[in-house]
Amino acid sequence: MKLISYCVRGYVLFSLLILLTVAGCTSGRRASEALQRVAQDHCEVDSSHTSGYVFRPALLQAGSADETLLRGRYGPRALHMAQAIGLTPLLVQLTNQELQETPSNAYLATRQRITDQLQLATADIATASALLDCDTKRATLTATLLTRRENIREKRMTISAITIGAVAILGASWLNLHEQPIGADWVHIAGGVGEGGLGVLALAQKTPRVAYLHARNPLRDIWEHPATSTQFAPLVWYYLNQPKTDTSRTIIKELRERWQVLTSLDAAGKRSRKPHHEVDYFGTGDQYDAEALTLRATMLGELETEIRLMNNDLTILLNEIVSSKSGRTLRR
């Protein structure tokens, strides 16, 4: 009778474990489907075209009269942005017209053309920023869901180990009360084996990953540095390739050097773990874990910051254009 009783109890416990396993698998499948939907590329932003104007940068010839005139009127950052947008011919006209005693219709027309060009440049910058912001948020959200999924898995295994230990202690105590020390010892052994098995299973678990595609990868153009960008408008691409006013280094060169450090550290860390999977951040997609997605979001954020800083130079240029004539002195 005791053997039958033990068998019935074991069957009940086994059935309960099966039900919990099935429920966990169903929940995990739903979570995987939701995660895959979030990881899909929904950033329908095309920043490779201009806002409707023909982009032609206008560089100043060193030592020319136009350069002397504009450098006496505008600061280096404002003039740097004006050359990128192609405004220097209009600024030369405007500066000469400003020397007149009273504003003319030609002066007002030149001011309006410059304002229109600045607004179109602002639209190009905003489009590129929107693309990067969308991709950054997608990577961050996917990383958050992957981390949550891993935390839930670890929590379930911890609870299972605690439950097995508690059941083993209760079962052994009950057997000891009924003067069955051999059965109690076997229950202790079974509990230890169960807890140890969960520990080994936890160590053997692979880091959760998700198929993360980015056919239109804004990081690829920075990394491969083609002559013409397929992701950014000509104005943005030209600006990223120009040396900064305070250094001879371009924004692209600085970004690539920082990303080389980040990806090298990431690859070294992954090689120290077995098995490991190195992610292709600059391709069309790969299997990403939460750590790799966080790194991708960091690189996208750095690029977005550099592009948004173009607005600062635009603001400086606009402020110097509209500054009052009465308070203006030419820096000759």
Foldseek 3Di string as FASTA:
>chain_A
DVVVVVVVVVVVVVVVVVVVVVVVVVVVVVLQVVLQVLLDDPLPFFLAAFLPDDADFADDDPPDPLVQQVVLQAPPLLVVLCRLLNNSVLVSVLSVQLPDPDHDPVNVVSVVVVVVSLVRVVVSLVRLLSSLVSLLVSLQVSLVSLVVVLVVVVVVLVVVLVVLLVVLVVVLVVCVVVVNNVVNVVSVVVSVVVNVVSVVVNVPDDRDWYWRFAQPAPVQCLQVVDPRDSRHYSSLNVQQPQADPVDRDGNSVVLNVVVVVVLVVVVVVQVVDPPGDRFDNNHGIDIDHSVVSNSSSVSSVSVSVVSVCSVVSSVSNVCSSPPDSVPGDGRD
